Amino acid sequence: MLEFIGKSLTLIAFGLASPFGFNIGIEEPQYRVVEKLNNGIEIREYGNRIVAETTIMEIDPDKASSEGFQIIAGYIFGKNKNNQSIAMTSPVEINSKGKSIEMTSPVEVKSSSGSMVMRFFMPSTYTMETLPLPTDSRVKLVELPKIKQAVFKFTGSTSNAAITAKTNTLLEGIKSSRWSPAGPTSAYLYNAPWTIPFLRTNEVLVEVAPK
């Protein structure tokens, strides 16, 4: 009961602060900054991380993003073999039954070959062995390897058009550096959809390797 009350208070605080861009009580993936370029781009090294992901055919990018979010959200809300749920803020109902999985940030969106991959990063306290197995075959648990990525941070819209424009900025920005793209691009969306646009934290990323 005390654990549930504590989580509920954290979620209330998050709900009040999230419109202003604050992610109170939300874990974010850890990284090491390898280099800072002059144009605001960072080269980061991320360690091993576990994600829940789904792949959606990208006929309409924005609709695919919404569908992917709902599928992965189903997993963390309890659509798994242990019926474990995650406590989140409005408009999702808080469920006090069973053990809960903490919400993390960011959500990752990646597009390639006519499909979109959406990922939720799992809390660092979990392993592949301790996470509940999904009951929806569209959800996969994947352990990501250590990786170096070029990252460009921006605020405002997270529409497909906005992400595409910022991705182009990122790719242009690393052309004159000692780094080359070594994988697909992706986007990290840190805030709730109702966050004031100019207070949002968004990032576009691409895996890189030395030239």
N, C-alpha and C. Protein backbone atom coordinates (compact mmCIF):
# COMPACT_ATOMS: atom_id res chain seq x y z
N MET A 1 0.82 -1.21 0.00
CA MET A 1 0.00 0.00 0.00
C MET A 1 0.86 1.26 0.00
N LEU A 2 1.91 1.29 0.88
CA LEU A 2 2.79 2.45 0.92
C LEU A 2 3.50 2.66 -0.41
N GLU A 3 3.90 1.53 -1.04
CA GLU A 3 4.57 1.62 -2.34
C GLU A 3 3.63 2.24 -3.37
N PHE A 4 2.37 1.81 -3.35
CA PHE A 4 1.39 2.35 -4.30
C PHE A 4 1.14 3.83 -4.07
N ILE A 5 1.03 4.24 -2.79
CA ILE A 5 0.82 5.66 -2.47
C ILE A 5 2.00 6.49 -2.95
N GLY A 6 3.21 5.96 -2.73
CA GLY A 6 4.41 6.68 -3.18
C GLY A 6 4.43 6.85 -4.68
N LYS A 7 4.08 5.80 -5.41
CA LYS A 7 4.05 5.87 -6.87
C LYS A 7 2.97 6.84 -7.34
N SER A 8 1.82 6.83 -6.64
CA SER A 8 0.72 7.70 -7.02
C SER A 8 1.10 9.17 -6.85
N LEU A 9 1.79 9.50 -5.74
CA LEU A 9 2.22 10.88 -5.52
C LEU A 9 3.22 11.32 -6.58
N THR A 10 4.11 10.40 -6.97
CA THR A 10 5.08 10.71 -8.02
C THR A 10 4.36 11.00 -9.33
N LEU A 11 3.34 10.20 -9.64
CA LEU A 11 2.61 10.37 -10.88
C LEU A 11 1.80 11.67 -10.90
N ILE A 12 1.24 12.04 -9.72
CA ILE A 12 0.52 13.30 -9.63
C ILE A 12 1.47 14.46 -9.90
N ALA A 13 2.67 14.39 -9.30
CA ALA A 13 3.67 15.44 -9.52
C ALA A 13 4.06 15.50 -10.99
N PHE A 14 4.22 14.32 -11.61
CA PHE A 14 4.57 14.29 -13.04
C PHE A 14 3.46 14.90 -13.88
N GLY A 15 2.20 14.56 -13.53
CA GLY A 15 1.07 15.09 -14.29
C GLY A 15 0.98 16.60 -14.22
N LEU A 16 1.30 17.18 -13.06
CA LEU A 16 1.25 18.63 -12.91
C LEU A 16 2.42 19.32 -13.61
N ALA A 17 3.58 18.64 -13.63
CA ALA A 17 4.79 19.27 -14.18
C ALA A 17 4.98 19.02 -15.66
N SER A 18 4.42 17.90 -16.18
CA SER A 18 4.70 17.50 -17.56
C SER A 18 4.32 18.52 -18.62
N PRO A 19 3.23 19.32 -18.46
CA PRO A 19 2.94 20.32 -19.49
C PRO A 19 4.06 21.34 -19.67
N PHE A 20 4.91 21.47 -18.62
CA PHE A 20 5.99 22.45 -18.65
C PHE A 20 7.35 21.80 -18.96
N GLY A 21 7.32 20.54 -19.39
CA GLY A 21 8.53 19.89 -19.85
C GLY A 21 9.33 19.19 -18.78
N PHE A 22 8.79 19.04 -17.56
CA PHE A 22 9.50 18.36 -16.48
C PHE A 22 9.03 16.91 -16.38
N ASN A 23 9.97 15.97 -16.41
CA ASN A 23 9.63 14.54 -16.29
C ASN A 23 9.97 14.04 -14.90
N ILE A 24 9.18 14.43 -13.93
CA ILE A 24 9.44 14.06 -12.54
C ILE A 24 9.23 12.57 -12.35
N GLY A 25 10.22 11.89 -11.77
CA GLY A 25 10.10 10.47 -11.45
C GLY A 25 10.26 9.55 -12.64
N ILE A 26 10.69 10.07 -13.80
CA ILE A 26 10.82 9.26 -15.00
C ILE A 26 12.29 8.99 -15.28
N GLU A 27 12.64 7.71 -15.32
CA GLU A 27 14.03 7.32 -15.59
C GLU A 27 14.37 7.54 -17.06
N GLU A 28 15.59 7.99 -17.32
CA GLU A 28 16.08 8.19 -18.68
C GLU A 28 17.36 7.38 -18.89
N PRO A 29 17.60 6.89 -20.12
CA PRO A 29 18.81 6.12 -20.37
C PRO A 29 20.07 6.93 -20.09
N GLN A 30 21.08 6.28 -19.50
CA GLN A 30 22.33 6.95 -19.19
C GLN A 30 23.28 6.88 -20.39
N TYR A 31 24.13 7.90 -20.51
CA TYR A 31 25.09 7.92 -21.61
C TYR A 31 26.33 8.70 -21.20
N ARG A 32 27.39 8.55 -22.00
CA ARG A 32 28.63 9.29 -21.82
C ARG A 32 28.85 10.17 -23.04
N VAL A 33 29.13 11.45 -22.84
CA VAL A 33 29.39 12.35 -23.95
C VAL A 33 30.83 12.15 -24.41
N VAL A 34 31.00 11.71 -25.65
CA VAL A 34 32.32 11.45 -26.23
C VAL A 34 32.92 12.73 -26.80
N GLU A 35 32.09 13.54 -27.44
CA GLU A 35 32.57 14.76 -28.09
C GLU A 35 31.40 15.71 -28.31
N LYS A 36 31.66 17.01 -28.24
CA LYS A 36 30.67 18.03 -28.57
C LYS A 36 31.15 18.78 -29.81
N LEU A 37 30.33 18.77 -30.85
CA LEU A 37 30.66 19.47 -32.07
C LEU A 37 30.22 20.93 -31.97
N ASN A 38 30.77 21.78 -32.81
CA ASN A 38 30.50 23.22 -32.73
C ASN A 38 29.06 23.59 -33.08
N ASN A 39 28.35 22.72 -33.78
CA ASN A 39 26.99 23.04 -34.24
C ASN A 39 25.90 22.51 -33.31
N GLY A 40 26.25 22.22 -32.06
CA GLY A 40 25.26 21.77 -31.09
C GLY A 40 25.01 20.28 -31.10
N ILE A 41 25.73 19.55 -31.92
CA ILE A 41 25.58 18.09 -31.99
C ILE A 41 26.52 17.44 -30.98
N GLU A 42 26.01 16.43 -30.29
CA GLU A 42 26.82 15.64 -29.35
C GLU A 42 27.06 14.25 -29.90
N ILE A 43 28.23 13.72 -29.64
CA ILE A 43 28.50 12.30 -29.89
C ILE A 43 28.42 11.61 -28.54
N ARG A 44 27.48 10.69 -28.42
CA ARG A 44 27.25 10.00 -27.14
C ARG A 44 27.51 8.51 -27.26
N GLU A 45 27.89 7.92 -26.15
CA GLU A 45 28.00 6.47 -26.07
C GLU A 45 26.97 5.96 -25.07
N TYR A 46 26.06 5.14 -25.56
CA TYR A 46 25.05 4.52 -24.72
C TYR A 46 25.47 3.08 -24.42
N GLY A 47 25.20 2.62 -23.20
CA GLY A 47 25.49 1.24 -22.83
C GLY A 47 24.37 0.31 -23.25
N ASN A 48 24.46 -0.93 -22.82
CA ASN A 48 23.42 -1.91 -23.13
C ASN A 48 22.10 -1.49 -22.50
N ARG A 49 21.02 -1.62 -23.28
CA ARG A 49 19.69 -1.26 -22.80
C ARG A 49 18.68 -2.27 -23.31
N ILE A 50 17.61 -2.44 -22.57
CA ILE A 50 16.54 -3.34 -22.99
C ILE A 50 15.34 -2.50 -23.42
N VAL A 51 14.73 -2.87 -24.55
CA VAL A 51 13.57 -2.15 -25.05
C VAL A 51 12.44 -3.12 -25.34
N ALA A 52 11.22 -2.61 -25.26
CA ALA A 52 10.05 -3.30 -25.81
C ALA A 52 9.74 -2.58 -27.11
N GLU A 53 9.66 -3.31 -28.20
CA GLU A 53 9.48 -2.66 -29.49
C GLU A 53 8.42 -3.35 -30.33
N THR A 54 7.91 -2.58 -31.29
CA THR A 54 6.97 -3.13 -32.28
C THR A 54 7.26 -2.47 -33.62
N THR A 55 6.95 -3.18 -34.69
CA THR A 55 7.17 -2.67 -36.04
C THR A 55 5.82 -2.50 -36.74
N ILE A 56 5.61 -1.31 -37.31
CA ILE A 56 4.34 -0.96 -37.97
C ILE A 56 4.64 -0.57 -39.41
N MET A 57 3.82 -1.02 -40.34
CA MET A 57 3.95 -0.58 -41.73
C MET A 57 3.62 0.91 -41.81
N GLU A 58 4.50 1.68 -42.44
CA GLU A 58 4.42 3.13 -42.39
C GLU A 58 3.70 3.71 -43.61
N ILE A 59 2.40 3.45 -43.74
CA ILE A 59 1.61 4.06 -44.81
C ILE A 59 1.44 5.55 -44.53
N ASP A 60 1.07 5.86 -43.30
CA ASP A 60 0.99 7.25 -42.82
C ASP A 60 1.86 7.32 -41.58
N PRO A 61 3.00 8.04 -41.60
CA PRO A 61 3.94 8.05 -40.47
C PRO A 61 3.31 8.44 -39.14
N ASP A 62 2.47 9.48 -39.13
CA ASP A 62 1.88 9.92 -37.87
C ASP A 62 0.89 8.90 -37.31
N LYS A 63 0.10 8.25 -38.20
CA LYS A 63 -0.83 7.21 -37.75
C LYS A 63 -0.06 5.98 -37.27
N ALA A 64 1.03 5.66 -37.96
CA ALA A 64 1.85 4.51 -37.56
C ALA A 64 2.44 4.74 -36.18
N SER A 65 2.85 5.97 -35.90
CA SER A 65 3.39 6.30 -34.59
C SER A 65 2.35 6.10 -33.50
N SER A 66 1.12 6.54 -33.76
CA SER A 66 0.03 6.39 -32.79
C SER A 66 -0.27 4.91 -32.54
N GLU A 67 -0.33 4.13 -33.63
CA GLU A 67 -0.61 2.70 -33.50
C GLU A 67 0.49 1.98 -32.73
N GLY A 68 1.75 2.31 -33.05
CA GLY A 68 2.87 1.69 -32.35
C GLY A 68 2.85 2.00 -30.87
N PHE A 69 2.53 3.26 -30.53
CA PHE A 69 2.46 3.66 -29.12
C PHE A 69 1.42 2.84 -28.38
N GLN A 70 0.26 2.65 -28.98
CA GLN A 70 -0.81 1.89 -28.32
C GLN A 70 -0.42 0.44 -28.10
N ILE A 71 0.29 -0.15 -29.05
CA ILE A 71 0.70 -1.55 -28.92
C ILE A 71 1.68 -1.73 -27.78
N ILE A 72 2.71 -0.88 -27.72
CA ILE A 72 3.71 -1.00 -26.65
C ILE A 72 3.11 -0.60 -25.31
N ALA A 73 2.24 0.41 -25.32
CA ALA A 73 1.59 0.81 -24.08
C ALA A 73 0.78 -0.35 -23.50
N GLY A 74 0.16 -1.14 -24.37
CA GLY A 74 -0.59 -2.31 -23.90
C GLY A 74 0.29 -3.25 -23.09
N TYR A 75 1.53 -3.43 -23.54
CA TYR A 75 2.45 -4.31 -22.82
C TYR A 75 2.75 -3.78 -21.43
N ILE A 76 3.10 -2.49 -21.31
CA ILE A 76 3.47 -1.96 -19.99
C ILE A 76 2.26 -1.69 -19.10
N PHE A 77 1.06 -1.69 -19.68
CA PHE A 77 -0.15 -1.54 -18.86
C PHE A 77 -0.67 -2.87 -18.34
N GLY A 78 -0.02 -3.97 -18.70
CA GLY A 78 -0.42 -5.26 -18.14
C GLY A 78 -0.71 -6.34 -19.14
N LYS A 79 -0.55 -6.07 -20.43
CA LYS A 79 -0.79 -7.09 -21.45
C LYS A 79 0.46 -7.95 -21.58
N ASN A 80 0.71 -8.72 -20.51
CA ASN A 80 1.87 -9.60 -20.46
C ASN A 80 1.53 -10.80 -19.57
N LYS A 81 2.39 -11.80 -19.56
CA LYS A 81 2.06 -13.07 -18.91
C LYS A 81 1.98 -12.98 -17.39
N ASN A 82 2.55 -11.91 -16.81
CA ASN A 82 2.47 -11.73 -15.36
C ASN A 82 1.37 -10.75 -14.96
N ASN A 83 0.67 -10.21 -15.96
CA ASN A 83 -0.34 -9.18 -15.71
C ASN A 83 0.20 -8.01 -14.91
N GLN A 84 1.49 -7.69 -15.13
CA GLN A 84 2.09 -6.55 -14.46
C GLN A 84 1.67 -5.27 -15.16
N SER A 85 1.46 -4.23 -14.37
CA SER A 85 1.02 -2.97 -14.94
C SER A 85 1.98 -1.85 -14.56
N ILE A 86 1.87 -0.75 -15.31
CA ILE A 86 2.69 0.43 -15.05
C ILE A 86 1.78 1.58 -14.66
N ALA A 87 2.17 2.31 -13.61
CA ALA A 87 1.37 3.46 -13.19
C ALA A 87 1.78 4.68 -14.00
N MET A 88 0.81 5.31 -14.66
CA MET A 88 1.09 6.48 -15.48
C MET A 88 0.10 7.58 -15.16
N THR A 89 0.31 8.72 -15.77
CA THR A 89 -0.56 9.86 -15.52
C THR A 89 -1.71 9.90 -16.52
N SER A 90 -2.61 10.84 -16.31
CA SER A 90 -3.77 11.04 -17.18
C SER A 90 -3.32 11.16 -18.63
N PRO A 91 -4.01 10.53 -19.57
CA PRO A 91 -5.35 9.96 -19.43
C PRO A 91 -5.39 8.49 -19.11
N VAL A 92 -4.30 7.89 -18.64
CA VAL A 92 -4.29 6.47 -18.32
C VAL A 92 -4.67 6.25 -16.87
N GLU A 93 -5.48 5.24 -16.62
CA GLU A 93 -5.90 4.92 -15.25
C GLU A 93 -4.78 4.27 -14.47
N ILE A 94 -4.60 4.66 -13.21
CA ILE A 94 -3.59 4.05 -12.34
C ILE A 94 -4.14 2.73 -11.80
N ASN A 95 -3.37 1.67 -11.95
CA ASN A 95 -3.78 0.34 -11.51
C ASN A 95 -2.90 -0.10 -10.36
N SER A 96 -3.47 -0.33 -9.22
CA SER A 96 -2.68 -0.69 -8.04
C SER A 96 -2.51 -2.19 -7.87
N LYS A 97 -3.12 -3.00 -8.74
CA LYS A 97 -3.05 -4.45 -8.60
C LYS A 97 -1.73 -4.98 -9.18
N GLY A 98 -1.13 -5.90 -8.45
CA GLY A 98 0.10 -6.53 -8.96
C GLY A 98 1.30 -5.62 -8.85
N LYS A 99 2.46 -6.14 -9.26
CA LYS A 99 3.70 -5.40 -9.26
C LYS A 99 3.73 -4.46 -10.45
N SER A 100 4.31 -3.29 -10.28
CA SER A 100 4.32 -2.31 -11.36
C SER A 100 5.69 -2.15 -11.98
N ILE A 101 5.70 -1.75 -13.26
CA ILE A 101 6.93 -1.43 -13.98
C ILE A 101 6.98 0.08 -14.12
N GLU A 102 8.10 0.70 -13.72
CA GLU A 102 8.21 2.14 -13.82
C GLU A 102 8.23 2.59 -15.28
N MET A 103 7.62 3.76 -15.53
CA MET A 103 7.68 4.34 -16.86
C MET A 103 9.05 4.98 -17.05
N THR A 104 9.60 4.86 -18.24
CA THR A 104 10.87 5.50 -18.55
C THR A 104 10.70 6.46 -19.72
N SER A 105 11.69 7.26 -19.94
CA SER A 105 11.72 8.20 -21.04
C SER A 105 13.11 8.11 -21.66
N PRO A 106 13.26 8.23 -22.95
CA PRO A 106 12.28 8.62 -23.94
C PRO A 106 11.63 7.45 -24.63
N VAL A 107 10.69 7.78 -25.52
CA VAL A 107 10.16 6.83 -26.49
C VAL A 107 11.00 6.99 -27.75
N GLU A 108 11.38 5.89 -28.38
CA GLU A 108 12.18 5.98 -29.60
C GLU A 108 11.34 5.61 -30.81
N VAL A 109 11.46 6.39 -31.88
CA VAL A 109 10.78 6.12 -33.14
C VAL A 109 11.83 6.00 -34.22
N LYS A 110 11.78 4.92 -34.99
CA LYS A 110 12.78 4.69 -36.03
C LYS A 110 12.06 4.23 -37.29
N SER A 111 12.41 4.80 -38.44
CA SER A 111 11.77 4.45 -39.70
C SER A 111 12.79 3.90 -40.69
N SER A 112 12.38 2.87 -41.43
CA SER A 112 13.23 2.34 -42.50
C SER A 112 12.43 1.38 -43.36
N SER A 113 12.70 1.42 -44.68
CA SER A 113 12.12 0.47 -45.64
C SER A 113 10.60 0.36 -45.53
N GLY A 114 9.92 1.49 -45.42
CA GLY A 114 8.47 1.49 -45.39
C GLY A 114 7.86 1.01 -44.09
N SER A 115 8.65 0.88 -43.04
CA SER A 115 8.12 0.45 -41.74
C SER A 115 8.65 1.36 -40.65
N MET A 116 7.94 1.39 -39.52
CA MET A 116 8.34 2.19 -38.38
C MET A 116 8.51 1.29 -37.16
N VAL A 117 9.60 1.48 -36.44
CA VAL A 117 9.84 0.74 -35.19
C VAL A 117 9.67 1.71 -34.03
N MET A 118 8.81 1.37 -33.09
CA MET A 118 8.67 2.18 -31.89
C MET A 118 9.16 1.38 -30.70
N ARG A 119 9.92 2.05 -29.82
CA ARG A 119 10.51 1.38 -28.66
C ARG A 119 10.24 2.15 -27.38
N PHE A 120 9.97 1.42 -26.32
CA PHE A 120 9.96 1.96 -24.97
C PHE A 120 11.17 1.38 -24.26
N PHE A 121 11.98 2.23 -23.64
CA PHE A 121 13.12 1.74 -22.88
C PHE A 121 12.65 1.20 -21.54
N MET A 122 13.13 0.02 -21.18
CA MET A 122 12.75 -0.59 -19.93
C MET A 122 13.62 -0.06 -18.78
N PRO A 123 13.08 -0.03 -17.56
CA PRO A 123 13.87 0.45 -16.42
C PRO A 123 15.15 -0.35 -16.25
N SER A 124 16.20 0.32 -15.79
CA SER A 124 17.51 -0.32 -15.66
C SER A 124 17.55 -1.41 -14.60
N THR A 125 16.54 -1.47 -13.73
CA THR A 125 16.50 -2.50 -12.69
C THR A 125 16.09 -3.86 -13.23
N TYR A 126 15.61 -3.90 -14.48
CA TYR A 126 15.14 -5.15 -15.06
C TYR A 126 16.19 -5.77 -15.98
N THR A 127 16.12 -7.10 -16.12
CA THR A 127 16.93 -7.85 -17.06
C THR A 127 15.98 -8.57 -18.02
N MET A 128 16.54 -9.21 -19.04
CA MET A 128 15.70 -9.97 -19.96
C MET A 128 14.99 -11.11 -19.23
N GLU A 129 15.60 -11.59 -18.15
CA GLU A 129 15.02 -12.70 -17.40
C GLU A 129 13.90 -12.25 -16.46
N THR A 130 13.97 -11.01 -15.98
CA THR A 130 12.98 -10.56 -14.99
C THR A 130 11.81 -9.79 -15.59
N LEU A 131 11.93 -9.34 -16.83
CA LEU A 131 10.81 -8.65 -17.47
C LEU A 131 9.71 -9.65 -17.82
N PRO A 132 8.43 -9.28 -17.65
CA PRO A 132 7.34 -10.18 -18.03
C PRO A 132 7.28 -10.34 -19.55
N LEU A 133 6.94 -11.53 -20.01
CA LEU A 133 6.85 -11.79 -21.45
C LEU A 133 5.56 -11.19 -22.02
N PRO A 134 5.63 -10.56 -23.19
CA PRO A 134 4.43 -9.99 -23.81
C PRO A 134 3.46 -11.10 -24.24
N THR A 135 2.18 -10.81 -24.19
CA THR A 135 1.18 -11.73 -24.72
C THR A 135 0.77 -11.33 -26.13
N ASP A 136 1.14 -10.14 -26.54
CA ASP A 136 0.89 -9.65 -27.90
C ASP A 136 2.13 -9.97 -28.73
N SER A 137 1.97 -10.79 -29.77
CA SER A 137 3.10 -11.23 -30.58
C SER A 137 3.77 -10.08 -31.33
N ARG A 138 3.11 -8.93 -31.39
CA ARG A 138 3.69 -7.78 -32.08
C ARG A 138 4.72 -7.06 -31.22
N VAL A 139 4.78 -7.40 -29.94
CA VAL A 139 5.72 -6.77 -29.01
C VAL A 139 6.92 -7.69 -28.81
N LYS A 140 8.11 -7.16 -28.98
CA LYS A 140 9.35 -7.92 -28.79
C LYS A 140 10.21 -7.24 -27.73
N LEU A 141 10.84 -8.05 -26.90
CA LEU A 141 11.82 -7.55 -25.95
C LEU A 141 13.20 -7.75 -26.56
N VAL A 142 13.97 -6.66 -26.64
CA VAL A 142 15.26 -6.70 -27.33
C VAL A 142 16.31 -6.03 -26.45
N GLU A 143 17.49 -6.64 -26.35
CA GLU A 143 18.61 -6.01 -25.65
C GLU A 143 19.51 -5.34 -26.67
N LEU A 144 19.65 -4.03 -26.56
CA LEU A 144 20.46 -3.26 -27.50
C LEU A 144 21.92 -3.26 -27.05
N PRO A 145 22.85 -3.36 -27.98
CA PRO A 145 24.28 -3.34 -27.61
C PRO A 145 24.76 -1.92 -27.35
N LYS A 146 25.96 -1.80 -26.81
CA LYS A 146 26.59 -0.49 -26.63
C LYS A 146 26.73 0.17 -28.00
N ILE A 147 26.52 1.48 -28.05
CA ILE A 147 26.49 2.17 -29.34
C ILE A 147 26.95 3.61 -29.19
N LYS A 148 27.56 4.15 -30.24
CA LYS A 148 27.89 5.58 -30.31
C LYS A 148 26.92 6.23 -31.29
N GLN A 149 26.34 7.35 -30.88
CA GLN A 149 25.36 8.03 -31.72
C GLN A 149 25.62 9.54 -31.73
N ALA A 150 25.40 10.14 -32.89
CA ALA A 150 25.37 11.60 -32.99
C ALA A 150 23.95 12.04 -32.66
N VAL A 151 23.83 13.09 -31.84
CA VAL A 151 22.53 13.51 -31.31
C VAL A 151 22.34 15.01 -31.50
N PHE A 152 21.17 15.40 -32.02
CA PHE A 152 20.81 16.81 -32.16
C PHE A 152 19.51 17.04 -31.40
N LYS A 153 19.56 17.96 -30.43
CA LYS A 153 18.39 18.24 -29.59
C LYS A 153 17.60 19.41 -30.15
N PHE A 154 16.26 19.32 -30.05
CA PHE A 154 15.40 20.41 -30.52
C PHE A 154 14.10 20.43 -29.73
N THR A 155 13.37 21.52 -29.85
CA THR A 155 12.06 21.65 -29.20
C THR A 155 10.99 21.76 -30.29
N GLY A 156 9.73 21.83 -29.85
CA GLY A 156 8.64 22.05 -30.80
C GLY A 156 7.98 20.79 -31.29
N SER A 157 7.47 20.84 -32.50
CA SER A 157 6.67 19.76 -33.08
C SER A 157 7.45 18.45 -33.18
N THR A 158 6.70 17.34 -33.01
CA THR A 158 7.28 16.01 -33.20
C THR A 158 6.61 15.29 -34.37
N SER A 159 6.05 16.06 -35.28
CA SER A 159 5.45 15.47 -36.46
C SER A 159 6.52 14.84 -37.33
N ASN A 160 6.10 14.00 -38.25
CA ASN A 160 7.05 13.35 -39.14
C ASN A 160 7.85 14.38 -39.94
N ALA A 161 7.18 15.45 -40.39
CA ALA A 161 7.85 16.50 -41.17
C ALA A 161 8.93 17.19 -40.34
N ALA A 162 8.62 17.48 -39.07
CA ALA A 162 9.58 18.15 -38.20
C ALA A 162 10.79 17.26 -37.92
N ILE A 163 10.52 15.98 -37.65
CA ILE A 163 11.61 15.06 -37.36
C ILE A 163 12.50 14.87 -38.59
N THR A 164 11.89 14.82 -39.78
CA THR A 164 12.66 14.68 -41.02
C THR A 164 13.57 15.89 -41.21
N ALA A 165 13.05 17.08 -40.97
CA ALA A 165 13.85 18.30 -41.13
C ALA A 165 15.03 18.33 -40.16
N LYS A 166 14.79 17.97 -38.90
CA LYS A 166 15.86 17.97 -37.90
C LYS A 166 16.88 16.87 -38.18
N THR A 167 16.42 15.75 -38.72
CA THR A 167 17.33 14.68 -39.09
C THR A 167 18.28 15.13 -40.20
N ASN A 168 17.75 15.88 -41.16
CA ASN A 168 18.59 16.43 -42.22
C ASN A 168 19.64 17.39 -41.65
N THR A 169 19.23 18.17 -40.65
CA THR A 169 20.17 19.07 -39.98
C THR A 169 21.29 18.28 -39.30
N LEU A 170 20.90 17.19 -38.65
CA LEU A 170 21.88 16.32 -37.98
C LEU A 170 22.88 15.75 -38.97
N LEU A 171 22.38 15.18 -40.05
CA LEU A 171 23.25 14.52 -41.03
C LEU A 171 24.18 15.53 -41.71
N GLU A 172 23.67 16.72 -41.99
CA GLU A 172 24.51 17.77 -42.57
C GLU A 172 25.58 18.20 -41.57
N GLY A 173 25.19 18.24 -40.30
CA GLY A 173 26.10 18.72 -39.27
C GLY A 173 27.29 17.84 -38.99
N ILE A 174 27.18 16.55 -39.26
CA ILE A 174 28.31 15.66 -38.99
C ILE A 174 29.20 15.45 -40.21
N LYS A 175 28.82 16.03 -41.36
CA LYS A 175 29.61 15.83 -42.57
C LYS A 175 31.03 16.35 -42.43
N SER A 176 31.18 17.47 -41.73
CA SER A 176 32.50 18.08 -41.59
C SER A 176 33.25 17.59 -40.36
N SER A 177 32.68 16.61 -39.64
CA SER A 177 33.33 16.09 -38.44
C SER A 177 34.13 14.83 -38.77
N ARG A 178 34.69 14.22 -37.75
CA ARG A 178 35.45 12.99 -37.94
C ARG A 178 34.56 11.74 -37.85
N TRP A 179 33.24 11.96 -37.87
CA TRP A 179 32.30 10.87 -37.72
C TRP A 179 31.48 10.68 -38.98
N SER A 180 31.10 9.43 -39.26
CA SER A 180 30.26 9.10 -40.40
C SER A 180 29.05 8.31 -39.93
N PRO A 181 27.88 8.47 -40.58
CA PRO A 181 26.71 7.64 -40.23
C PRO A 181 27.03 6.17 -40.39
N ALA A 182 26.56 5.36 -39.44
CA ALA A 182 26.85 3.92 -39.49
C ALA A 182 25.60 3.09 -39.25
N GLY A 183 24.44 3.73 -39.35
CA GLY A 183 23.19 3.01 -39.11
C GLY A 183 22.01 3.90 -39.39
N PRO A 184 20.79 3.42 -39.15
CA PRO A 184 19.59 4.20 -39.41
C PRO A 184 19.43 5.35 -38.43
N THR A 185 18.65 6.33 -38.81
CA THR A 185 18.34 7.45 -37.92
C THR A 185 17.14 7.10 -37.05
N SER A 186 16.99 7.83 -35.94
CA SER A 186 15.85 7.63 -35.05
C SER A 186 15.56 8.93 -34.32
N ALA A 187 14.45 8.95 -33.58
CA ALA A 187 14.07 10.14 -32.80
C ALA A 187 13.73 9.72 -31.39
N TYR A 188 14.13 10.53 -30.42
CA TYR A 188 13.77 10.34 -29.02
C TYR A 188 12.77 11.44 -28.64
N LEU A 189 11.61 11.04 -28.10
CA LEU A 189 10.57 11.97 -27.68
C LEU A 189 10.43 11.87 -26.17
N TYR A 190 10.83 12.89 -25.44
CA TYR A 190 10.94 12.82 -23.99
C TYR A 190 9.68 13.21 -23.23
N ASN A 191 8.77 13.91 -23.84
CA ASN A 191 7.67 14.50 -23.08
C ASN A 191 6.31 13.96 -23.45
N ALA A 192 5.37 14.20 -22.57
CA ALA A 192 3.98 13.81 -22.82
C ALA A 192 3.42 14.63 -23.99
N PRO A 193 2.42 14.08 -24.71
CA PRO A 193 1.86 14.79 -25.88
C PRO A 193 1.29 16.16 -25.53
N TRP A 194 0.85 16.35 -24.27
CA TRP A 194 0.23 17.61 -23.89
C TRP A 194 1.24 18.66 -23.41
N THR A 195 2.53 18.35 -23.47
CA THR A 195 3.54 19.32 -23.08
C THR A 195 3.52 20.52 -24.04
N ILE A 196 3.66 21.72 -23.49
CA ILE A 196 3.72 22.92 -24.32
C ILE A 196 4.84 22.74 -25.34
N PRO A 197 4.56 22.89 -26.66
CA PRO A 197 5.53 22.55 -27.70
C PRO A 197 6.93 23.14 -27.51
N PHE A 198 7.03 24.43 -27.18
CA PHE A 198 8.36 25.03 -27.09
C PHE A 198 9.12 24.61 -25.83
N LEU A 199 8.46 23.87 -24.93
CA LEU A 199 9.13 23.35 -23.73
C LEU A 199 9.47 21.86 -23.85
N ARG A 200 9.16 21.27 -25.00
CA ARG A 200 9.45 19.86 -25.20
C ARG A 200 10.95 19.63 -25.40
N THR A 201 11.39 18.43 -25.05
CA THR A 201 12.74 17.99 -25.34
C THR A 201 12.64 16.84 -26.33
N ASN A 202 13.16 17.03 -27.52
CA ASN A 202 13.18 16.02 -28.56
C ASN A 202 14.62 15.88 -29.07
N GLU A 203 14.94 14.72 -29.59
CA GLU A 203 16.27 14.50 -30.15
C GLU A 203 16.17 13.62 -31.39
N VAL A 204 17.02 13.90 -32.36
CA VAL A 204 17.21 12.98 -33.48
C VAL A 204 18.61 12.41 -33.37
N LEU A 205 18.76 11.13 -33.75
CA LEU A 205 20.01 10.42 -33.53
C LEU A 205 20.36 9.58 -34.75
N VAL A 206 21.66 9.32 -34.88
CA VAL A 206 22.13 8.37 -35.88
C VAL A 206 23.38 7.69 -35.33
N GLU A 207 23.48 6.39 -35.54
CA GLU A 207 24.67 5.67 -35.11
C GLU A 207 25.84 6.16 -35.95
N VAL A 208 27.01 6.33 -35.32
CA VAL A 208 28.19 6.84 -36.03
C VAL A 208 29.41 5.97 -35.73
N ALA A 209 30.39 6.10 -36.63
CA ALA A 209 31.70 5.46 -36.46
C ALA A 209 32.75 6.45 -36.97
N PRO A 210 33.98 6.38 -36.46
CA PRO A 210 35.03 7.28 -36.94
C PRO A 210 35.28 7.09 -38.43
N LYS A 211 35.58 8.18 -39.14
CA LYS A 211 35.88 8.09 -40.57
C LYS A 211 37.22 7.41 -40.79
